[in-house]
Amino acid sequence: AVYVSQCSSVMAVAEVVSSVPEVQIDPDGVFKYILVRLELGKERRDVVRGTRSAEYHNHIIEKLNPEMEKLGITCKCLGGGKIEHNSKDKKIRVFGESTGYGKADHSVTAEKLKKVYTDYEVTWSDDKK
């Protein structure tokens, strides 16, 4: 019986972490984004969050943290940058850096965006603008 309960709790942890959307970004415009590592027990997942409503990168994590804490998930910002999202032309460009968190690994961010925006041209660079 002990084994079964441990198994189900491990499954539940994996399900909680995988239930968090990998990418949530605004549909259009140029805006700040962060790459965040979510952790719950041994489960880890890196997610992308970006929005025009964030004046600074820390505003994004300040919004995400309470949502994740309710699920028991801890957040660690791996870095940030900017996203230029053009839904009309189906293009996304990842670039820049966060003053507070440093530059995210834009190649990782781009791969995550490609999984969600499968019919888009997704590019990244270490350019500041």
N, C-alpha and C. Protein backbone atom coordinates (compact mmCIF):
# COMPACT_ATOMS: atom_id res chain seq x y z
N ALA A 1 0.83 -1.20 0.00
CA ALA A 1 0.00 0.00 0.00
C ALA A 1 0.87 1.26 0.00
N VAL A 2 1.98 1.21 0.72
CA VAL A 2 2.88 2.37 0.77
C VAL A 2 3.42 2.66 -0.62
N TYR A 3 3.82 1.60 -1.33
CA TYR A 3 4.37 1.77 -2.67
C TYR A 3 3.37 2.46 -3.60
N VAL A 4 2.13 2.02 -3.55
CA VAL A 4 1.08 2.58 -4.40
C VAL A 4 0.90 4.08 -4.13
N SER A 5 0.86 4.45 -2.85
CA SER A 5 0.65 5.87 -2.55
C SER A 5 1.85 6.71 -3.00
N GLN A 6 3.05 6.17 -2.87
CA GLN A 6 4.22 6.91 -3.36
C GLN A 6 4.14 7.08 -4.87
N CYS A 7 3.76 6.02 -5.55
CA CYS A 7 3.64 6.07 -7.01
C CYS A 7 2.63 7.12 -7.43
N SER A 8 1.48 7.13 -6.80
CA SER A 8 0.44 8.06 -7.20
C SER A 8 0.85 9.50 -6.90
N SER A 9 1.60 9.71 -5.80
CA SER A 9 2.02 11.08 -5.50
C SER A 9 3.09 11.55 -6.48
N VAL A 10 3.96 10.65 -6.92
CA VAL A 10 4.96 11.00 -7.94
C VAL A 10 4.25 11.36 -9.24
N MET A 11 3.25 10.57 -9.61
CA MET A 11 2.47 10.87 -10.82
C MET A 11 1.78 12.23 -10.69
N ALA A 12 1.21 12.48 -9.53
CA ALA A 12 0.50 13.74 -9.32
C ALA A 12 1.45 14.93 -9.47
N VAL A 13 2.66 14.80 -8.94
CA VAL A 13 3.66 15.87 -9.04
C VAL A 13 3.98 16.13 -10.51
N ALA A 14 4.22 15.06 -11.27
CA ALA A 14 4.52 15.21 -12.70
C ALA A 14 3.36 15.87 -13.43
N GLU A 15 2.14 15.48 -13.07
CA GLU A 15 0.95 16.05 -13.72
C GLU A 15 0.79 17.52 -13.39
N VAL A 16 1.07 17.90 -12.14
CA VAL A 16 0.95 19.30 -11.74
C VAL A 16 1.92 20.15 -12.55
N VAL A 17 3.18 19.71 -12.64
CA VAL A 17 4.19 20.47 -13.38
C VAL A 17 3.86 20.51 -14.86
N SER A 18 3.44 19.37 -15.43
CA SER A 18 3.15 19.35 -16.87
C SER A 18 1.85 20.08 -17.22
N SER A 19 1.02 20.35 -16.22
CA SER A 19 -0.24 21.06 -16.48
C SER A 19 -0.01 22.56 -16.72
N VAL A 20 1.16 23.06 -16.33
CA VAL A 20 1.48 24.48 -16.51
C VAL A 20 1.86 24.69 -17.98
N PRO A 21 1.18 25.61 -18.68
CA PRO A 21 1.51 25.85 -20.10
C PRO A 21 2.98 26.23 -20.27
N GLU A 22 3.62 25.64 -21.29
CA GLU A 22 5.04 25.89 -21.53
C GLU A 22 5.30 27.31 -22.02
N VAL A 23 4.34 27.84 -22.77
CA VAL A 23 4.51 29.18 -23.35
C VAL A 23 3.24 30.01 -23.13
N GLN A 24 3.40 31.21 -22.63
CA GLN A 24 2.31 32.19 -22.57
C GLN A 24 2.90 33.55 -22.91
N ILE A 25 2.57 34.02 -24.13
CA ILE A 25 3.06 35.32 -24.56
C ILE A 25 1.91 36.10 -25.20
N ASP A 26 2.06 37.41 -25.25
CA ASP A 26 1.05 38.26 -25.88
C ASP A 26 0.98 37.98 -27.38
N PRO A 27 -0.20 38.19 -27.98
CA PRO A 27 -0.38 37.86 -29.39
C PRO A 27 0.33 38.78 -30.38
N ASP A 28 0.69 39.99 -29.95
CA ASP A 28 1.33 40.93 -30.88
C ASP A 28 2.17 41.95 -30.14
N GLY A 29 3.18 42.48 -30.85
CA GLY A 29 3.98 43.57 -30.31
C GLY A 29 5.37 43.14 -29.90
N VAL A 30 6.10 44.10 -29.34
CA VAL A 30 7.44 43.86 -28.80
C VAL A 30 7.33 43.98 -27.29
N PHE A 31 7.78 42.97 -26.59
CA PHE A 31 7.61 42.97 -25.14
C PHE A 31 8.69 42.16 -24.44
N LYS A 32 8.81 42.37 -23.14
CA LYS A 32 9.78 41.67 -22.32
C LYS A 32 9.31 40.23 -22.07
N TYR A 33 10.28 39.32 -21.95
CA TYR A 33 9.95 37.94 -21.61
C TYR A 33 10.99 37.40 -20.65
N ILE A 34 10.61 36.34 -19.93
CA ILE A 34 11.55 35.63 -19.07
C ILE A 34 11.43 34.12 -19.32
N LEU A 35 12.55 33.45 -19.09
CA LEU A 35 12.60 31.99 -19.12
C LEU A 35 12.66 31.57 -17.66
N VAL A 36 11.71 30.76 -17.22
CA VAL A 36 11.57 30.42 -15.80
C VAL A 36 11.64 28.91 -15.61
N ARG A 37 12.42 28.48 -14.62
CA ARG A 37 12.46 27.06 -14.25
C ARG A 37 11.47 26.82 -13.12
N LEU A 38 10.53 25.91 -13.38
CA LEU A 38 9.57 25.51 -12.36
C LEU A 38 10.08 24.23 -11.72
N GLU A 39 9.99 24.13 -10.40
CA GLU A 39 10.43 22.92 -9.71
C GLU A 39 9.42 22.50 -8.66
N LEU A 40 9.13 21.20 -8.66
CA LEU A 40 8.27 20.60 -7.64
C LEU A 40 8.82 19.21 -7.41
N GLY A 41 9.42 19.02 -6.23
CA GLY A 41 10.09 17.75 -5.97
C GLY A 41 11.22 17.58 -6.97
N LYS A 42 11.24 16.43 -7.67
CA LYS A 42 12.28 16.18 -8.67
C LYS A 42 11.86 16.63 -10.06
N GLU A 43 10.61 17.06 -10.19
CA GLU A 43 10.10 17.48 -11.49
C GLU A 43 10.57 18.90 -11.80
N ARG A 44 11.00 19.10 -13.05
CA ARG A 44 11.43 20.43 -13.52
C ARG A 44 10.83 20.70 -14.87
N ARG A 45 10.54 21.96 -15.10
CA ARG A 45 10.06 22.37 -16.43
C ARG A 45 10.43 23.83 -16.62
N ASP A 46 10.96 24.14 -17.79
CA ASP A 46 11.28 25.52 -18.13
C ASP A 46 10.14 26.08 -18.98
N VAL A 47 9.67 27.27 -18.61
CA VAL A 47 8.55 27.89 -19.31
C VAL A 47 8.90 29.31 -19.74
N VAL A 48 8.20 29.77 -20.76
CA VAL A 48 8.40 31.11 -21.31
C VAL A 48 7.17 31.95 -21.00
N ARG A 49 7.41 33.16 -20.46
CA ARG A 49 6.32 34.10 -20.18
C ARG A 49 6.72 35.47 -20.69
N GLY A 50 5.81 36.11 -21.44
CA GLY A 50 6.10 37.44 -21.96
C GLY A 50 4.83 38.24 -22.14
N THR A 51 4.92 39.54 -21.80
CA THR A 51 3.74 40.39 -21.93
C THR A 51 4.12 41.86 -22.06
N ARG A 52 3.30 42.58 -22.81
CA ARG A 52 3.51 44.02 -22.96
C ARG A 52 3.19 44.76 -21.67
N SER A 53 2.37 44.16 -20.81
CA SER A 53 1.98 44.85 -19.58
C SER A 53 3.13 44.95 -18.57
N ALA A 54 4.22 44.21 -18.80
CA ALA A 54 5.36 44.25 -17.88
C ALA A 54 6.31 45.38 -18.27
N GLU A 55 6.43 46.35 -17.38
CA GLU A 55 7.38 47.44 -17.62
C GLU A 55 8.81 46.93 -17.41
N TYR A 56 8.96 46.01 -16.44
CA TYR A 56 10.26 45.40 -16.13
C TYR A 56 10.09 43.89 -16.09
N HIS A 57 11.20 43.17 -16.29
CA HIS A 57 11.15 41.71 -16.30
C HIS A 57 10.62 41.13 -14.99
N ASN A 58 10.95 41.78 -13.86
CA ASN A 58 10.52 41.23 -12.57
C ASN A 58 9.00 41.28 -12.39
N HIS A 59 8.31 42.14 -13.15
CA HIS A 59 6.85 42.18 -13.06
C HIS A 59 6.24 40.87 -13.55
N ILE A 60 6.91 40.22 -14.49
CA ILE A 60 6.39 38.95 -15.03
C ILE A 60 6.49 37.86 -13.96
N ILE A 61 7.64 37.76 -13.32
CA ILE A 61 7.80 36.71 -12.29
C ILE A 61 6.95 37.02 -11.06
N GLU A 62 6.75 38.30 -10.77
CA GLU A 62 5.89 38.68 -9.63
C GLU A 62 4.45 38.23 -9.85
N LYS A 63 4.03 38.17 -11.11
CA LYS A 63 2.68 37.71 -11.44
C LYS A 63 2.64 36.17 -11.45
N LEU A 64 3.69 35.54 -11.93
CA LEU A 64 3.74 34.08 -12.05
C LEU A 64 3.91 33.39 -10.70
N ASN A 65 4.76 33.95 -9.85
CA ASN A 65 5.09 33.33 -8.56
C ASN A 65 3.87 32.91 -7.72
N PRO A 66 2.91 33.82 -7.45
CA PRO A 66 1.76 33.44 -6.62
C PRO A 66 0.94 32.31 -7.24
N GLU A 67 0.78 32.33 -8.57
CA GLU A 67 0.04 31.27 -9.27
C GLU A 67 0.72 29.91 -9.03
N MET A 68 2.05 29.90 -9.14
CA MET A 68 2.81 28.66 -8.98
C MET A 68 2.86 28.21 -7.51
N GLU A 69 2.96 29.18 -6.60
CA GLU A 69 3.00 28.85 -5.17
C GLU A 69 1.74 28.11 -4.73
N LYS A 70 0.60 28.47 -5.32
CA LYS A 70 -0.66 27.78 -5.00
C LYS A 70 -0.56 26.29 -5.34
N LEU A 71 0.24 25.97 -6.36
CA LEU A 71 0.42 24.58 -6.79
C LEU A 71 1.61 23.92 -6.08
N GLY A 72 2.31 24.69 -5.25
CA GLY A 72 3.47 24.15 -4.55
C GLY A 72 4.74 24.18 -5.38
N ILE A 73 4.69 24.90 -6.51
CA ILE A 73 5.83 24.95 -7.44
C ILE A 73 6.70 26.17 -7.12
N THR A 74 8.02 25.96 -7.10
CA THR A 74 8.93 27.10 -6.94
C THR A 74 9.39 27.57 -8.31
N CYS A 75 9.63 28.88 -8.43
CA CYS A 75 10.05 29.49 -9.70
C CYS A 75 11.45 30.05 -9.55
N LYS A 76 12.25 29.86 -10.59
CA LYS A 76 13.58 30.48 -10.63
C LYS A 76 13.75 31.08 -12.02
N CYS A 77 13.98 32.39 -12.07
CA CYS A 77 14.16 33.05 -13.36
C CYS A 77 15.55 32.73 -13.90
N LEU A 78 15.61 32.18 -15.13
CA LEU A 78 16.88 31.80 -15.76
C LEU A 78 17.44 32.93 -16.62
N GLY A 79 16.66 34.00 -16.79
CA GLY A 79 17.10 35.12 -17.61
C GLY A 79 15.93 35.67 -18.40
N GLY A 80 16.21 36.72 -19.14
CA GLY A 80 15.14 37.35 -19.90
C GLY A 80 15.64 37.97 -21.18
N GLY A 81 14.73 38.65 -21.83
CA GLY A 81 15.03 39.32 -23.08
C GLY A 81 13.76 39.95 -23.61
N LYS A 82 13.70 40.06 -24.93
CA LYS A 82 12.50 40.62 -25.56
C LYS A 82 12.02 39.68 -26.66
N ILE A 83 10.73 39.77 -26.91
CA ILE A 83 10.11 39.02 -28.00
C ILE A 83 9.39 40.02 -28.88
N GLU A 84 9.59 39.86 -30.18
CA GLU A 84 8.82 40.63 -31.16
C GLU A 84 7.89 39.63 -31.82
N HIS A 85 6.58 39.80 -31.59
CA HIS A 85 5.58 38.84 -32.09
C HIS A 85 4.71 39.52 -33.13
N ASN A 86 4.76 38.99 -34.35
CA ASN A 86 3.95 39.52 -35.45
C ASN A 86 3.03 38.38 -35.91
N SER A 87 1.80 38.37 -35.38
CA SER A 87 0.89 37.27 -35.70
C SER A 87 0.39 37.34 -37.15
N LYS A 88 0.34 38.53 -37.73
CA LYS A 88 -0.12 38.68 -39.12
C LYS A 88 0.85 37.97 -40.08
N ASP A 89 2.15 38.23 -39.88
CA ASP A 89 3.16 37.61 -40.75
C ASP A 89 3.66 36.27 -40.20
N LYS A 90 3.12 35.86 -39.04
CA LYS A 90 3.53 34.60 -38.39
C LYS A 90 5.03 34.54 -38.15
N LYS A 91 5.54 35.59 -37.50
CA LYS A 91 6.97 35.66 -37.18
C LYS A 91 7.16 36.01 -35.71
N ILE A 92 8.15 35.37 -35.10
CA ILE A 92 8.54 35.70 -33.73
C ILE A 92 10.05 35.83 -33.71
N ARG A 93 10.52 36.93 -33.11
CA ARG A 93 11.96 37.16 -32.97
C ARG A 93 12.27 37.30 -31.48
N VAL A 94 13.29 36.57 -31.03
CA VAL A 94 13.72 36.59 -29.64
C VAL A 94 15.10 37.25 -29.59
N PHE A 95 15.27 38.25 -28.70
CA PHE A 95 16.53 39.00 -28.67
C PHE A 95 16.67 39.73 -27.33
N GLY A 96 17.75 40.46 -27.17
CA GLY A 96 17.94 41.33 -26.02
C GLY A 96 18.28 40.58 -24.73
N GLU A 97 18.19 41.33 -23.63
CA GLU A 97 18.50 40.74 -22.33
C GLU A 97 17.77 41.49 -21.24
N SER A 98 17.76 40.90 -20.05
CA SER A 98 17.17 41.54 -18.87
C SER A 98 18.30 42.14 -18.06
N THR A 99 18.12 43.40 -17.65
CA THR A 99 19.12 44.05 -16.81
C THR A 99 19.24 43.32 -15.47
N GLY A 100 18.10 42.96 -14.88
CA GLY A 100 18.08 42.33 -13.57
C GLY A 100 18.44 40.86 -13.55
N TYR A 101 18.00 40.11 -14.57
CA TYR A 101 18.17 38.65 -14.57
C TYR A 101 19.23 38.15 -15.55
N GLY A 102 19.75 39.04 -16.38
CA GLY A 102 20.71 38.61 -17.40
C GLY A 102 19.99 38.06 -18.61
N LYS A 103 20.77 37.62 -19.60
CA LYS A 103 20.19 37.12 -20.85
C LYS A 103 19.75 35.67 -20.70
N ALA A 104 18.52 35.40 -21.10
CA ALA A 104 18.05 34.02 -21.15
C ALA A 104 18.74 33.32 -22.31
N ASP A 105 18.74 31.99 -22.31
CA ASP A 105 19.24 31.24 -23.45
C ASP A 105 18.15 31.31 -24.53
N HIS A 106 18.32 32.24 -25.46
CA HIS A 106 17.29 32.48 -26.48
C HIS A 106 17.06 31.27 -27.37
N SER A 107 18.07 30.41 -27.52
CA SER A 107 17.87 29.21 -28.35
C SER A 107 16.86 28.28 -27.69
N VAL A 108 16.90 28.17 -26.37
CA VAL A 108 15.94 27.35 -25.62
C VAL A 108 14.54 27.96 -25.77
N THR A 109 14.45 29.27 -25.60
CA THR A 109 13.17 29.98 -25.73
C THR A 109 12.60 29.76 -27.13
N ALA A 110 13.45 29.90 -28.14
CA ALA A 110 12.99 29.75 -29.54
C ALA A 110 12.44 28.34 -29.78
N GLU A 111 13.11 27.30 -29.24
CA GLU A 111 12.63 25.92 -29.41
C GLU A 111 11.26 25.74 -28.76
N LYS A 112 11.06 26.33 -27.60
CA LYS A 112 9.78 26.22 -26.92
C LYS A 112 8.68 26.94 -27.71
N LEU A 113 9.01 28.10 -28.27
CA LEU A 113 8.05 28.85 -29.07
C LEU A 113 7.67 28.07 -30.33
N LYS A 114 8.66 27.40 -30.94
CA LYS A 114 8.41 26.62 -32.18
C LYS A 114 7.42 25.48 -31.93
N LYS A 115 7.45 24.91 -30.72
CA LYS A 115 6.53 23.81 -30.38
C LYS A 115 5.08 24.30 -30.35
N VAL A 116 4.88 25.54 -29.92
CA VAL A 116 3.53 26.10 -29.79
C VAL A 116 3.10 26.78 -31.08
N TYR A 117 4.01 27.55 -31.68
CA TYR A 117 3.73 28.28 -32.92
C TYR A 117 4.36 27.51 -34.08
N THR A 118 3.77 26.36 -34.39
CA THR A 118 4.38 25.42 -35.34
C THR A 118 4.46 25.97 -36.76
N ASP A 119 3.54 26.87 -37.14
CA ASP A 119 3.54 27.39 -38.51
C ASP A 119 4.20 28.77 -38.60
N TYR A 120 4.97 29.13 -37.59
CA TYR A 120 5.65 30.43 -37.54
C TYR A 120 7.12 30.31 -37.93
N GLU A 121 7.68 31.41 -38.34
CA GLU A 121 9.13 31.54 -38.48
C GLU A 121 9.62 32.13 -37.15
N VAL A 122 10.38 31.32 -36.39
CA VAL A 122 10.88 31.77 -35.10
C VAL A 122 12.40 31.92 -35.19
N THR A 123 12.89 33.13 -34.90
CA THR A 123 14.34 33.39 -34.97
C THR A 123 14.81 33.98 -33.65
N TRP A 124 16.09 33.87 -33.40
CA TRP A 124 16.66 34.46 -32.19
C TRP A 124 18.05 34.99 -32.49
N SER A 125 18.48 35.98 -31.69
CA SER A 125 19.84 36.50 -31.81
C SER A 125 20.21 37.14 -30.47
N ASP A 126 21.50 37.41 -30.30
CA ASP A 126 21.95 38.07 -29.09
C ASP A 126 22.00 39.59 -29.27
N ASP A 127 21.38 40.09 -30.36
CA ASP A 127 21.32 41.53 -30.59
C ASP A 127 20.55 42.20 -29.45
N LYS A 128 20.96 43.44 -29.16
CA LYS A 128 20.30 44.20 -28.09
C LYS A 128 18.95 44.77 -28.57
N LYS A 129 18.86 45.07 -29.89
CA LYS A 129 17.63 45.65 -30.43
C LYS A 129 17.13 44.89 -31.64
